[in-house]
Amino acid sequence: MRVAVFGAGYAGLTLARELESSLPESVDLVVVDEDASHLVQHELHRVVRHPGLAEEIVVDLDDVLDRATVREATVIDLDTAAGVATLEEDGTTEALSYDAGAVCLGAETNYYDLDGVAERATPLKRLTDAEAVRAEFLDAVDAGTVDDPARVVVGGAGLSGVQVAGELAALAREEGARDAVEVVLLEQEDSVAPNFPENFQRAVREELDARDVRVETGRAVANADDETIAFADESTQDYDQFVWTGGIRGPDALRGERPVVRGNLRYEDGTFVVGDAGRIVDTDGQAVPASAQAAIREAGVAADNIVRLVDHERSGEGGFEPRLDGYRFDSLGWLVSVGDGAVAQVGPKVLRGRSAKALKTTVGAGYLSSVGAVENAADLVREEVGWPDEDVEELAMDDDR
C-alpha cells in the first residue's frame, strides 16, 4: 500500500511528519516535491533585503523526514479519481499510483488574465523570485535621482504585498536612496489587508505610512506595458519596477483550479486536498483563509483521516468506512512585518513596535524548530535579532537537550 504526499510546503511537510509517526511501517510513504526542500514562505520577503537569510528558510527534506521516500519531481497532472499522479523528472514523465494521497502543492500567483501583467510583473513565491525582485530594485535605485525618483509598484496589498513593499522601502533607506525611490502599494479594495479585522487594517496602514510606503487603495489594475500600468478607471501610472502579489490560483497539476473541499479535507475517493491548493470549507461552513496557520492545522486532521482509511483498508473487513474528523478554523492571530516594524493581532488586541517584531521572530523560529530544523531556527533568530553566533549555538544546544 502506498500513501503519497504531493508538495512539501506547510501542509505537506507537517502531514508527512505526522504520517511517518502514525502509519504502519509496511505502508510505503512517498513525498514528491519539485525541489526536495521546504521553503518557509512567510519569511521569503526578508530575502529581498537580506539575501543571507535564504539558507535559513530552506530546509532539505532528507534532514527532517526519517522514513519517507523523497522524490524530487514536478507533479504535472493528477487523476484524483484513479489515484494516479503524473510526475516529470529530468525531462521524462512517469505515473505514480497511490492508495491514499494528499495534494499539498500550495497555490500559484494569479494574474487574472490581465493583459501584460504576467509578462512584466515579478511574483514572490520562490527564492528565485526574491532574488529577481532585489536585483530589479537595485537597478531602479541606480536609475533614480532626487529630482526624478524611480517608481517601484507592488500590486496587491494583502499580507504578502505589505511585507515586500515594507522590505523595499527599508532597502531604499539602507542604500541611501530614500528620496531617489518611491515605493507604491496598490490595492483594488478600500483598505490594505482587506480580508482582516478593521483594527488590524488600520495598524498596518499606519505602519506603512510611517515607513515610506505610499498606499493607493481603490486602484484596480487593468493592464500593463513596459513602462505604464493602466487602471480600470482609465488612469495610468508609470513604473520602473513592478511586483505582483495580487492573488492566488490553484496549482498547475489541478489545471489552475482550487477545488472546494469539505472540512474532512477529503476531495475524491482516497485523495485529500490540504492547504492553499484548495478552498477549504470548515465544519462550521466557513471559508478558511489561505494561510500557514490553517495549512499546518489542516494537515493534522488530514493525517488522522488518512491513517483511519489506511487501517480500514488493511483490515480487509469491508463494510462502512470509518468516520472522518473535520477541521474547524479558529485563528491564532495574525502577524505581518513592515520593513523593520511589524503588526500583530492576538485576540482583539493589536500590537506594533518591538513586541510585534519579537513575536514575529519567535513564531518563525518556533515553526522551524517544530519541523526539526533547529539549527535553521537558531540562525534565523541570529539574523533577525542580531545575536552573536556563540549565543545562538548555545540556544540550539539547549533545544537539542
Protein backbone atom coordinates (compact mmCIF):
# COMPACT_ATOMS: atom_id res chain seq x y z
CA MET A 1 0.00 0.00 0.00
CA ARG A 2 1.27 3.46 -0.87
CA VAL A 3 0.46 6.86 0.63
CA ALA A 4 1.70 9.87 -1.35
CA VAL A 5 2.09 13.47 -0.27
CA PHE A 6 2.39 15.90 -3.16
CA GLY A 7 4.19 19.09 -2.17
CA ALA A 8 6.23 19.95 0.91
CA GLY A 9 5.02 23.38 1.93
CA TYR A 10 3.46 24.00 5.32
CA ALA A 11 0.70 21.43 4.77
CA GLY A 12 2.84 18.83 3.02
CA LEU A 13 5.76 18.77 5.42
CA THR A 14 3.53 18.78 8.50
CA LEU A 15 1.41 15.99 7.05
CA ALA A 16 4.42 13.88 6.05
CA ARG A 17 5.93 14.12 9.53
CA GLU A 18 2.61 13.17 11.12
CA LEU A 19 2.25 10.19 8.79
CA GLU A 20 5.78 8.99 9.48
CA SER A 21 4.91 8.58 13.14
CA SER A 22 1.44 7.09 12.67
CA LEU A 23 1.40 4.90 9.55
CA PRO A 24 2.42 1.25 9.86
CA GLU A 25 5.98 0.56 8.72
CA SER A 26 4.66 -1.71 5.97
CA VAL A 27 2.95 1.22 4.26
CA ASP A 28 5.09 2.97 1.65
CA LEU A 29 5.17 6.73 2.26
CA VAL A 30 6.32 8.92 -0.66
CA VAL A 31 6.77 12.68 -0.62
CA VAL A 32 7.03 14.40 -4.01
CA ASP A 33 8.39 17.94 -4.23
CA GLU A 34 9.88 19.89 -7.13
CA ASP A 35 12.96 20.90 -5.11
CA ALA A 36 13.01 18.18 -2.42
CA SER A 37 13.07 21.03 0.09
CA HIS A 38 10.76 23.07 2.28
CA LEU A 39 10.57 26.86 1.93
CA VAL A 40 9.41 28.92 4.91
CA GLN A 41 7.19 31.08 2.75
CA HIS A 42 6.26 33.67 5.39
CA GLU A 43 9.93 34.71 5.64
CA LEU A 44 10.57 34.87 1.87
CA HIS A 45 10.14 38.65 1.66
CA ARG A 46 13.10 39.04 4.02
CA VAL A 47 15.43 37.61 1.39
CA VAL A 48 14.79 40.67 -0.78
CA ARG A 49 16.69 42.77 1.74
CA HIS A 50 18.80 40.09 3.44
CA PRO A 51 19.96 37.52 0.85
CA GLY A 52 21.85 35.63 3.56
CA LEU A 53 18.55 34.52 5.06
CA ALA A 54 17.93 32.23 2.08
CA GLU A 55 19.93 29.42 3.66
CA GLU A 56 17.96 29.65 6.90
CA ILE A 57 14.48 29.44 5.38
CA VAL A 58 15.11 26.45 3.10
CA VAL A 59 15.10 23.01 4.73
CA ASP A 60 16.30 19.86 2.95
CA LEU A 61 13.53 17.26 3.27
CA ASP A 62 16.02 14.47 3.91
CA ASP A 63 17.12 16.36 7.02
CA VAL A 64 13.65 16.46 8.60
CA LEU A 65 11.98 13.27 7.33
CA ASP A 66 13.00 9.88 8.68
CA ARG A 67 11.48 7.08 6.64
CA ALA A 68 9.56 8.72 3.81
CA THR A 69 10.92 8.29 0.29
CA VAL A 70 11.55 11.78 -1.10
CA ARG A 71 11.09 12.22 -4.84
CA GLU A 72 12.44 15.37 -6.46
CA ALA A 73 9.97 15.79 -9.30
CA THR A 74 7.25 18.10 -10.56
CA VAL A 75 3.64 16.96 -10.35
CA ILE A 76 2.23 17.92 -13.74
CA ASP A 77 -1.14 16.16 -13.54
CA LEU A 78 -3.37 14.42 -11.00
CA ASP A 79 -6.13 11.93 -11.69
CA THR A 80 -7.66 12.09 -8.23
CA ALA A 81 -10.41 9.57 -9.01
CA ALA A 82 -7.96 6.92 -10.26
CA GLY A 83 -5.28 7.72 -7.68
CA VAL A 84 -2.56 8.41 -10.24
CA ALA A 85 -0.12 11.32 -10.42
CA THR A 86 1.98 12.17 -13.45
CA LEU A 87 5.48 13.24 -12.48
CA GLU A 88 8.15 14.97 -14.54
CA GLU A 89 11.78 14.48 -13.62
CA ASP A 90 14.79 15.38 -15.77
CA GLY A 91 12.62 15.75 -18.85
CA THR A 92 10.91 12.38 -18.54
CA THR A 93 7.44 11.60 -17.22
CA GLU A 94 6.13 8.68 -15.22
CA ALA A 95 2.93 7.68 -13.48
CA LEU A 96 2.87 7.24 -9.72
CA SER A 97 -0.13 5.37 -8.35
CA TYR A 98 -1.28 5.72 -4.77
CA ASP A 99 -3.90 4.23 -2.47
CA ALA A 100 -4.22 7.40 -0.40
CA GLY A 101 -2.80 10.76 -1.32
CA ALA A 102 -2.76 14.38 -0.28
CA VAL A 103 -2.47 17.33 -2.65
CA CYS A 104 -0.40 19.89 -0.76
CA LEU A 105 1.01 21.76 -3.75
CA GLY A 106 0.08 25.20 -2.47
CA ALA A 107 -1.09 27.99 -4.72
CA GLU A 108 0.44 29.87 -7.62
CA THR A 109 0.30 33.57 -8.41
CA ASN A 110 -2.91 34.62 -10.12
CA TYR A 111 -2.65 37.34 -12.77
CA TYR A 112 -6.38 37.16 -13.61
CA ASP A 113 -5.62 37.28 -17.35
CA LEU A 114 -4.76 40.99 -17.03
CA ASP A 115 -3.11 41.93 -20.29
CA GLY A 116 0.67 42.29 -19.96
CA VAL A 117 0.84 41.82 -16.18
CA ALA A 118 2.20 38.25 -16.08
CA GLU A 119 4.85 39.15 -18.66
CA ARG A 120 6.07 42.27 -16.85
CA ALA A 121 5.47 41.85 -13.12
CA THR A 122 7.62 39.70 -10.84
CA PRO A 123 5.80 37.47 -8.34
CA LEU A 124 7.08 36.45 -4.91
CA LYS A 125 6.59 32.70 -4.48
CA ARG A 126 10.09 31.23 -4.72
CA LEU A 127 13.65 32.12 -3.80
CA THR A 128 14.43 32.96 -7.41
CA ASP A 129 11.59 35.49 -7.30
CA ALA A 130 13.04 37.19 -4.22
CA GLU A 131 16.44 37.36 -5.89
CA ALA A 132 14.88 38.87 -9.02
CA VAL A 133 12.91 41.46 -7.02
CA ARG A 134 16.11 42.50 -5.24
CA ALA A 135 18.14 42.77 -8.46
CA GLU A 136 15.42 44.77 -10.22
CA PHE A 137 15.08 47.08 -7.24
CA LEU A 138 18.79 47.81 -7.06
CA ASP A 139 18.71 48.64 -10.78
CA ALA A 140 15.86 51.06 -10.04
CA VAL A 141 17.89 52.61 -7.21
CA ASP A 142 20.79 53.20 -9.58
CA ALA A 143 18.47 54.85 -12.11
CA GLY A 144 16.57 57.05 -9.68
CA THR A 145 17.51 60.57 -8.56
CA VAL A 146 16.08 63.04 -6.08
CA ASP A 147 14.73 65.11 -8.96
CA ASP A 148 13.39 62.08 -10.84
CA PRO A 149 12.75 59.23 -8.39
CA ALA A 150 12.37 55.67 -9.63
CA ARG A 151 8.89 54.31 -9.02
CA VAL A 152 8.53 50.76 -7.70
CA VAL A 153 4.97 49.45 -7.74
CA VAL A 154 3.69 46.50 -5.74
CA GLY A 155 0.28 45.27 -6.92
CA GLY A 156 -1.88 43.75 -4.19
CA ALA A 157 -1.96 44.84 -0.53
CA GLY A 158 -2.62 41.53 1.14
CA LEU A 159 -0.04 40.42 3.69
CA SER A 160 2.50 39.40 1.03
CA GLY A 161 2.26 42.75 -0.72
CA VAL A 162 2.50 44.66 2.55
CA GLN A 163 5.62 42.74 3.52
CA VAL A 164 7.50 43.08 0.23
CA ALA A 165 6.63 46.79 -0.02
CA GLY A 166 7.95 47.30 3.51
CA GLU A 167 11.18 45.46 2.70
CA LEU A 168 11.75 47.50 -0.46
CA ALA A 169 11.24 50.80 1.36
CA ALA A 170 13.66 49.67 4.07
CA LEU A 171 16.19 48.58 1.45
CA ALA A 172 15.96 52.02 -0.15
CA ARG A 173 16.88 53.61 3.17
CA GLU A 174 19.78 51.20 3.64
CA GLU A 175 21.04 52.05 0.15
CA GLY A 176 20.87 55.78 0.95
CA ALA A 177 18.19 56.20 -1.71
CA ARG A 178 15.19 57.16 0.38
CA ASP A 179 14.50 60.23 -1.78
CA ALA A 180 15.50 58.60 -5.06
CA VAL A 181 13.00 55.73 -4.97
CA GLU A 182 9.25 55.79 -4.45
CA VAL A 183 7.58 52.56 -3.28
CA VAL A 184 3.87 52.44 -4.16
CA LEU A 185 1.50 49.76 -2.87
CA LEU A 186 -1.71 49.30 -4.88
CA GLU A 187 -4.95 47.71 -3.68
CA GLN A 188 -8.23 47.50 -5.55
CA GLU A 189 -10.26 47.32 -2.34
CA ASP A 190 -10.76 50.27 0.03
CA SER A 191 -8.12 49.24 2.57
CA VAL A 192 -4.87 47.33 2.90
CA ALA A 193 -5.12 43.78 4.27
CA PRO A 194 -8.75 43.86 3.09
CA ASN A 195 -9.79 40.47 4.48
CA PHE A 196 -8.68 41.18 8.03
CA PRO A 197 -10.25 42.94 11.06
CA GLU A 198 -10.52 46.72 10.84
CA ASN A 199 -8.21 47.46 13.78
CA PHE A 200 -5.54 45.27 12.17
CA GLN A 201 -6.03 47.07 8.84
CA ARG A 202 -5.62 50.47 10.49
CA ALA A 203 -2.44 49.45 12.27
CA VAL A 204 -0.95 48.03 9.06
CA ARG A 205 -1.79 51.22 7.16
CA GLU A 206 -0.21 53.38 9.85
CA GLU A 207 2.92 51.23 9.81
CA LEU A 208 3.18 51.52 6.02
CA ASP A 209 2.71 55.29 6.14
CA ALA A 210 5.42 55.58 8.79
CA ARG A 211 7.88 53.53 6.72
CA ASP A 212 7.82 55.41 3.42
CA VAL A 213 5.34 53.24 1.53
CA ARG A 214 2.77 55.20 -0.45
CA VAL A 215 -0.54 53.35 -0.37
CA GLU A 216 -3.15 53.76 -3.10
CA THR A 217 -6.45 51.96 -2.46
CA GLY A 218 -9.37 51.61 -4.86
CA ARG A 219 -6.88 51.04 -7.69
CA ALA A 220 -7.82 48.08 -9.91
CA VAL A 221 -5.11 47.20 -12.43
CA ALA A 222 -6.42 46.62 -15.95
CA ASN A 223 -3.22 46.02 -17.95
CA ALA A 224 0.44 46.90 -18.20
CA ASP A 225 3.06 47.58 -20.84
CA ASP A 226 6.82 48.01 -20.44
CA GLU A 227 6.54 51.42 -18.80
CA THR A 228 2.96 52.03 -17.70
CA ILE A 229 0.23 50.43 -15.61
CA ALA A 230 -3.34 51.19 -16.69
CA PHE A 231 -6.25 51.05 -14.27
CA ALA A 232 -9.92 50.17 -14.61
CA ASP A 233 -10.85 53.86 -14.31
CA GLU A 234 -8.63 54.55 -17.37
CA SER A 235 -5.97 56.40 -15.37
CA THR A 236 -2.32 55.33 -15.72
CA GLN A 237 0.86 55.23 -13.71
CA ASP A 238 4.44 54.91 -14.98
CA TYR A 239 6.77 52.49 -13.22
CA ASP A 240 10.38 51.35 -13.16
CA GLN A 241 9.73 48.05 -11.35
CA PHE A 242 6.51 46.07 -11.00
CA VAL A 243 5.97 43.36 -8.35
CA TRP A 244 2.72 41.38 -8.31
CA THR A 245 1.17 39.87 -5.18
CA GLY A 246 -2.41 40.35 -6.29
CA GLY A 247 -3.94 36.93 -5.71
CA ILE A 248 -3.61 33.16 -5.93
CA ARG A 249 -4.84 30.31 -8.13
CA GLY A 250 -4.61 26.54 -7.89
CA PRO A 251 -1.53 24.51 -8.85
CA ASP A 252 -0.88 23.54 -12.45
CA ALA A 253 -1.45 19.87 -11.60
CA LEU A 254 -5.07 20.79 -10.85
CA ARG A 255 -5.27 22.91 -14.01
CA GLY A 256 -5.10 26.11 -12.02
CA GLU A 257 -8.22 25.33 -10.01
CA ARG A 258 -8.57 25.42 -6.23
CA PRO A 259 -11.29 22.85 -5.64
CA VAL A 260 -13.80 23.34 -2.85
CA VAL A 261 -13.12 20.77 -0.13
CA ARG A 262 -15.19 19.98 2.95
CA GLY A 263 -13.86 20.12 6.48
CA ASN A 264 -12.67 16.50 6.50
CA LEU A 265 -10.25 17.53 3.69
CA ARG A 266 -11.30 14.57 1.52
CA TYR A 267 -11.68 15.58 -2.10
CA GLU A 268 -12.29 12.39 -4.03
CA ASP A 269 -12.00 8.71 -3.04
CA GLY A 270 -8.56 8.38 -1.43
CA THR A 271 -7.35 11.86 -2.37
CA PHE A 272 -7.26 14.73 0.11
CA VAL A 273 -6.54 18.38 -0.60
CA VAL A 274 -4.82 20.30 2.17
CA GLY A 275 -3.70 23.93 2.47
CA ASP A 276 -3.78 26.63 -0.18
CA ALA A 277 -4.22 24.15 -3.05
CA GLY A 278 -7.93 24.01 -2.21
CA ARG A 279 -10.70 26.26 -0.99
CA ILE A 280 -11.40 24.67 2.35
CA VAL A 281 -14.80 24.98 3.99
CA ASP A 282 -14.60 24.11 7.68
CA THR A 283 -17.07 22.20 9.82
CA ASP A 284 -18.97 25.42 10.56
CA GLY A 285 -19.45 26.03 6.84
CA GLN A 286 -17.00 28.93 6.86
CA ALA A 287 -14.39 29.54 4.17
CA VAL A 288 -10.89 29.05 5.58
CA PRO A 289 -8.39 31.80 4.66
CA ALA A 290 -5.30 30.68 2.79
CA SER A 291 -2.61 30.90 5.46
CA ALA A 292 0.26 28.98 7.01
CA GLN A 293 -1.52 28.52 10.32
CA ALA A 294 -4.55 26.97 8.62
CA ALA A 295 -2.45 24.68 6.41
CA ILE A 296 -0.49 23.35 9.38
CA ARG A 297 -3.58 22.59 11.43
CA GLU A 298 -5.46 21.13 8.46
CA ALA A 299 -2.53 18.75 7.97
CA GLY A 300 -3.07 17.26 11.42
CA VAL A 301 -6.72 16.49 10.62
CA ALA A 302 -5.81 15.05 7.22
CA ALA A 303 -3.14 12.81 8.75
CA ASP A 304 -5.61 11.30 11.21
CA ASN A 305 -8.15 10.71 8.46
CA ILE A 306 -5.66 9.12 6.08
CA VAL A 307 -4.46 6.76 8.81
CA ARG A 308 -8.05 5.72 9.55
CA LEU A 309 -8.72 4.95 5.90
CA VAL A 310 -5.44 3.03 5.58
CA ASP A 311 -6.17 0.98 8.69
CA HIS A 312 -9.67 0.23 7.41
CA GLU A 313 -8.35 -0.87 4.01
CA ARG A 314 -5.63 -3.02 5.51
CA SER A 315 -8.04 -4.73 7.90
CA GLY A 316 -9.93 -6.27 4.97
CA GLU A 317 -13.13 -6.13 6.99
CA GLY A 318 -15.09 -4.17 4.39
CA GLY A 319 -18.31 -2.54 5.50
CA PHE A 320 -18.69 1.13 6.22
CA GLU A 321 -15.65 3.37 6.17
CA PRO A 322 -14.61 4.95 9.47
CA ARG A 323 -15.95 8.36 10.34
CA LEU A 324 -13.51 11.12 9.44
CA ASP A 325 -12.65 14.12 11.59
CA GLY A 326 -13.46 17.65 10.49
CA TYR A 327 -11.35 20.79 10.62
CA ARG A 328 -12.66 23.94 12.27
CA PHE A 329 -10.77 27.16 11.69
CA ASP A 330 -10.03 29.24 14.75
CA SER A 331 -7.42 31.91 14.16
CA LEU A 332 -4.45 32.05 16.49
CA GLY A 333 -3.89 35.66 15.44
CA TRP A 334 -2.20 37.46 12.56
CA LEU A 335 1.32 38.76 12.01
CA VAL A 336 2.82 40.93 9.31
CA SER A 337 6.20 42.62 9.08
CA VAL A 338 6.61 46.05 7.52
CA GLY A 339 10.29 46.69 6.98
CA ASP A 340 11.84 46.96 10.42
CA GLY A 341 8.42 47.15 12.02
CA ALA A 342 5.59 44.69 12.47
CA VAL A 343 1.92 44.43 13.35
CA ALA A 344 0.47 41.56 15.35
CA GLN A 345 -3.06 40.74 16.34
CA VAL A 346 -3.62 38.37 19.25
CA GLY A 347 -7.29 38.05 20.06
CA PRO A 348 -8.80 41.55 19.91
CA LYS A 349 -5.51 43.26 20.77
CA VAL A 350 -3.26 44.75 18.09
CA LEU A 351 0.44 45.20 18.77
CA ARG A 352 3.05 47.28 16.99
CA GLY A 353 6.70 48.03 17.60
CA ARG A 354 9.17 45.78 19.40
CA SER A 355 6.59 43.44 20.88
CA ALA A 356 5.12 42.68 17.45
CA LYS A 357 8.57 42.29 15.92
CA ALA A 358 9.67 39.91 18.68
CA LEU A 359 6.50 37.88 18.29
CA LYS A 360 7.03 37.53 14.53
CA THR A 361 10.62 36.35 15.02
CA THR A 362 9.53 33.91 17.71
CA VAL A 363 6.82 32.42 15.52
CA GLY A 364 9.23 31.94 12.60
CA ALA A 365 11.90 30.30 14.75
CA GLY A 366 9.32 28.24 16.61
CA TYR A 367 7.93 26.87 13.37
CA LEU A 368 11.36 25.83 12.12
CA SER A 369 12.03 24.09 15.43
CA SER A 370 8.68 22.30 15.21
CA VAL A 371 9.64 20.65 11.91
CA GLY A 372 13.04 19.58 13.20
CA ALA A 373 15.13 22.39 11.68
CA VAL A 374 16.61 23.59 14.97
CA GLU A 375 19.82 24.99 13.50
CA ASN A 376 17.86 26.93 10.89
CA ALA A 377 15.69 28.35 13.67
CA ALA A 378 18.70 29.47 15.66
CA ASP A 379 20.30 31.06 12.60
CA LEU A 380 17.05 32.87 11.79
CA VAL A 381 16.99 34.38 15.27
CA ARG A 382 20.61 35.49 14.89
CA GLU A 383 19.87 37.22 11.59
CA GLU A 384 16.67 38.88 12.82
CA VAL A 385 17.75 39.88 16.32
CA GLY A 386 21.47 40.26 15.83
CA TRP A 387 22.62 37.77 18.46
CA PRO A 388 26.28 36.71 18.41
CA ASP A 389 26.99 33.28 16.92
CA GLU A 390 28.02 31.78 20.26
CA ASP A 391 24.69 32.73 21.86
CA VAL A 392 22.76 31.11 19.03
CA GLU A 393 24.88 27.95 19.23
CA GLU A 394 24.07 27.71 22.93
CA LEU A 395 20.36 28.17 22.16
CA ALA A 396 20.47 25.32 19.65
CA MET A 397 22.28 23.06 22.12
CA ASP A 398 19.69 23.79 24.80
CA ASP A 399 16.89 22.94 22.37
CA ASP A 400 18.58 19.66 21.44
CA ARG A 401 18.79 18.71 25.10
